[in-house]
C-alpha atoms as a PDB file:
ATOM      1  CA  UNK A   1       0.000   0.000   0.000  1.00  0.00           C
ATOM      2  CA  UNK A   2       1.297   3.462  -0.824  1.00  0.00           C
ATOM      3  CA  UNK A   3       0.587   6.612   1.156  1.00  0.00           C
ATOM      4  CA  UNK A   4       1.430  10.164   0.073  1.00  0.00           C
ATOM      5  CA  UNK A   5       1.339  13.231   2.251  1.00  0.00           C
ATOM      6  CA  UNK A   6       3.298  15.620   4.416  1.00  0.00           C
ATOM      7  CA  UNK A   7       5.315  14.627   7.459  1.00  0.00           C
ATOM      8  CA  UNK A   8       3.464  16.190  10.370  1.00  0.00           C
ATOM      9  CA  UNK A   9       5.655  14.916  13.208  1.00  0.00           C
ATOM     10  CA  UNK A  10       8.744  12.742  13.732  1.00  0.00           C
ATOM     11  CA  UNK A  11       9.293  11.153  17.151  1.00  0.00           C
ATOM     12  CA  UNK A  12      12.595  10.079  18.635  1.00  0.00           C
ATOM     13  CA  UNK A  13      13.621   6.429  18.393  1.00  0.00           C
ATOM     14  CA  UNK A  14      12.714   4.237  21.376  1.00  0.00           C
ATOM     15  CA  UNK A  15      14.252   0.973  22.509  1.00  0.00           C
ATOM     16  CA  UNK A  16      11.797  -1.658  23.708  1.00  0.00           C
ATOM     17  CA  UNK A  17      12.228  -5.074  25.244  1.00  0.00           C
ATOM     18  CA  UNK A  18      15.273  -6.710  26.797  1.00  0.00           C
ATOM     19  CA  UNK A  19      17.193  -6.843  23.505  1.00  0.00           C
ATOM     20  CA  UNK A  20      16.827  -3.125  22.736  1.00  0.00           C
ATOM     21  CA  UNK A  21      14.606  -3.427  19.653  1.00  0.00           C
ATOM     22  CA  UNK A  22      14.270   0.040  18.061  1.00  0.00           C
ATOM     23  CA  UNK A  23      10.962   1.646  17.061  1.00  0.00           C
ATOM     24  CA  UNK A  24      10.456   5.135  15.683  1.00  0.00           C
ATOM     25  CA  UNK A  25       7.095   6.636  14.861  1.00  0.00           C
ATOM     26  CA  UNK A  26       6.234   9.459  12.506  1.00  0.00           C
ATOM     27  CA  UNK A  27       2.920  10.964  11.438  1.00  0.00           C
ATOM     28  CA  UNK A  28       1.937  11.633   7.827  1.00  0.00           C
ATOM     29  CA  UNK A  29      -0.866  14.065   7.017  1.00  0.00           C
ATOM     30  CA  UNK A  30      -2.790  13.022   3.915  1.00  0.00           C
ATOM     31  CA  UNK A  31      -4.453  16.052   2.339  1.00  0.00           C
ATOM     32  CA  UNK A  32      -8.166  15.848   1.625  1.00  0.00           C
ATOM     33  CA  UNK A  33     -10.419  18.893   1.658  1.00  0.00           C
ATOM     34  CA  UNK A  34     -13.309  17.214   3.444  1.00  0.00           C
ATOM     35  CA  UNK A  35     -11.600  14.545   5.501  1.00  0.00           C
ATOM     36  CA  UNK A  36      -7.891  15.120   6.233  1.00  0.00           C
ATOM     37  CA  UNK A  37      -6.170  12.030   7.627  1.00  0.00           C
ATOM     38  CA  UNK A  38      -3.242  11.632   9.991  1.00  0.00           C
ATOM     39  CA  UNK A  39      -1.467   8.262   9.965  1.00  0.00           C
ATOM     40  CA  UNK A  40       0.920   7.145  12.705  1.00  0.00           C
ATOM     41  CA  UNK A  41       3.535   5.026  10.931  1.00  0.00           C
ATOM     42  CA  UNK A  42       6.337   2.967  12.491  1.00  0.00           C
ATOM     43  CA  UNK A  43       9.863   2.216  11.363  1.00  0.00           C
ATOM     44  CA  UNK A  44      11.693  -0.552  13.171  1.00  0.00           C
ATOM     45  CA  UNK A  45      15.193  -1.948  13.635  1.00  0.00           C
ATOM     46  CA  UNK A  46      17.963  -0.335  11.609  1.00  0.00           C
ATOM     47  CA  UNK A  47      15.394   1.430   9.420  1.00  0.00           C
ATOM     48  CA  UNK A  48      14.711   4.016  12.157  1.00  0.00           C
ATOM     49  CA  UNK A  49      17.845   5.891  11.046  1.00  0.00           C
ATOM     50  CA  UNK A  50      16.329   6.497   7.585  1.00  0.00           C
ATOM     51  CA  UNK A  51      14.111   9.193   9.116  1.00  0.00           C
ATOM     52  CA  UNK A  52      17.209  11.325   9.765  1.00  0.00           C
ATOM     53  CA  UNK A  53      17.077  12.218   6.051  1.00  0.00           C
ATOM     54  CA  UNK A  54      13.575  13.729   6.370  1.00  0.00           C
ATOM     55  CA  UNK A  55      12.037  16.649   8.220  1.00  0.00           C
ATOM     56  CA  UNK A  56       8.617  17.806   9.313  1.00  0.00           C
ATOM     57  CA  UNK A  57       6.505  19.468   6.573  1.00  0.00           C
ATOM     58  CA  UNK A  58       8.357  17.525   3.858  1.00  0.00           C
ATOM     59  CA  UNK A  59       6.202  15.789   1.240  1.00  0.00           C
ATOM     60  CA  UNK A  60       6.819  12.048   1.165  1.00  0.00           C
ATOM     61  CA  UNK A  61       5.641   8.838  -0.414  1.00  0.00           C
ATOM     62  CA  UNK A  62       5.627   5.801   1.895  1.00  0.00           C
ATOM     63  CA  UNK A  63       5.140   2.164   1.073  1.00  0.00           C
ATOM     64  CA  UNK A  64       3.506   0.609   4.096  1.00  0.00           C
ATOM     65  CA  UNK A  65       2.362  -2.762   5.372  1.00  0.00           C
ATOM     66  CA  UNK A  66      -0.730  -2.916   7.539  1.00  0.00           C
ATOM     67  CA  UNK A  67      -0.327  -5.356  10.412  1.00  0.00           C
ATOM     68  CA  UNK A  68      -3.116  -6.472  12.740  1.00  0.00           C
ATOM     69  CA  UNK A  69      -2.915  -8.201  16.107  1.00  0.00           C
ATOM     70  CA  UNK A  70      -5.319  -9.636  18.619  1.00  0.00           C
ATOM     71  CA  UNK A  71      -4.853  -9.353  22.379  1.00  0.00           C
ATOM     72  CA  UNK A  72      -6.924 -11.168  24.997  1.00  0.00           C
ATOM     73  CA  UNK A  73      -7.257  -9.510  28.404  1.00  0.00           C
ATOM     74  CA  UNK A  74      -7.119 -11.418  31.702  1.00  0.00           C
ATOM     75  CA  UNK A  75     -10.932 -11.080  31.690  1.00  0.00           C
ATOM     76  CA  UNK A  76     -10.932 -12.935  28.344  1.00  0.00           C
ATOM     77  CA  UNK A  77     -11.991  -9.876  26.323  1.00  0.00           C
ATOM     78  CA  UNK A  78     -10.536  -9.576  22.845  1.00  0.00           C
ATOM     79  CA  UNK A  79      -8.991  -6.335  21.613  1.00  0.00           C
ATOM     80  CA  UNK A  80      -7.572  -5.702  18.148  1.00  0.00           C
ATOM     81  CA  UNK A  81      -4.697  -3.405  17.124  1.00  0.00           C
ATOM     82  CA  UNK A  82      -3.497  -2.190  13.734  1.00  0.00           C
ATOM     83  CA  UNK A  83      -0.032  -0.927  12.913  1.00  0.00           C
ATOM     84  CA  UNK A  84       1.240   0.821   9.789  1.00  0.00           C
ATOM     85  CA  UNK A  85       4.826  -0.303   9.226  1.00  0.00           C
ATOM     86  CA  UNK A  86       6.945   1.707   6.797  1.00  0.00           C
ATOM     87  CA  UNK A  87       8.693  -0.475   4.234  1.00  0.00           C
ATOM     88  CA  UNK A  88      10.215   2.429   2.295  1.00  0.00           C
ATOM     89  CA  UNK A  89      10.045   6.211   2.303  1.00  0.00           C
ATOM     90  CA  UNK A  90      11.023   8.719  -0.372  1.00  0.00           C
ATOM     91  CA  UNK A  91      10.616  12.389  -1.077  1.00  0.00           C
ATOM     92  CA  UNK A  92       7.397  12.922  -3.063  1.00  0.00           C
ATOM     93  CA  UNK A  93       8.363  14.817  -6.194  1.00  0.00           C
ATOM     94  CA  UNK A  94       4.910  14.799  -7.809  1.00  0.00           C
ATOM     95  CA  UNK A  95       3.585  18.266  -8.540  1.00  0.00           C
ATOM     96  CA  UNK A  96       0.706  19.776  -6.635  1.00  0.00           C
ATOM     97  CA  UNK A  97      -2.275  19.776  -9.046  1.00  0.00           C
ATOM     98  CA  UNK A  98      -3.658  23.070  -7.678  1.00  0.00           C
ATOM     99  CA  UNK A  99      -0.334  24.884  -8.074  1.00  0.00           C
ATOM    100  CA  UNK A 100       0.075  23.604 -11.627  1.00  0.00           C
ATOM    101  CA  UNK A 101      -3.505  24.621 -12.451  1.00  0.00           C
ATOM    102  CA  UNK A 102      -2.991  28.143 -11.102  1.00  0.00           C
ATOM    103  CA  UNK A 103       0.190  28.538 -13.145  1.00  0.00           C
ATOM    104  CA  UNK A 104      -1.594  27.500 -16.310  1.00  0.00           C
ATOM    105  CA  UNK A 105      -4.579  29.810 -15.705  1.00  0.00           C
ATOM    106  CA  UNK A 106      -2.731  33.112 -15.977  1.00  0.00           C
ATOM    107  CA  UNK A 107       0.107  31.881 -18.174  1.00  0.00           C
ATOM    108  CA  UNK A 108       2.758  33.187 -15.797  1.00  0.00           C
ATOM    109  CA  UNK A 109       5.483  30.849 -14.540  1.00  0.00           C
ATOM    110  CA  UNK A 110       5.422  32.373 -11.027  1.00  0.00           C
END
């Protein structure tokens, strides 16, 4: 699955568990006029360092895997969790359709 948007927030890397497994979360804002979406996405292991090449407000394209888990409480109640795991991230170089349209309307390049 591919997700395009703007990096809204980048958290610091965290180590979890006894073996120091690394997790780093960032939030991507997907632009929709009516229903804007914010997705919390995780990078894990050595991939957490890849976020050093990106900054907040930068447009990105992320390939993600959606993972789902089930947890059963001590009271035997089931709860379900979803995680968006980033497989790859790149700067999104596609042009903004509105900006291109405005440029073409008046014929000026600025």
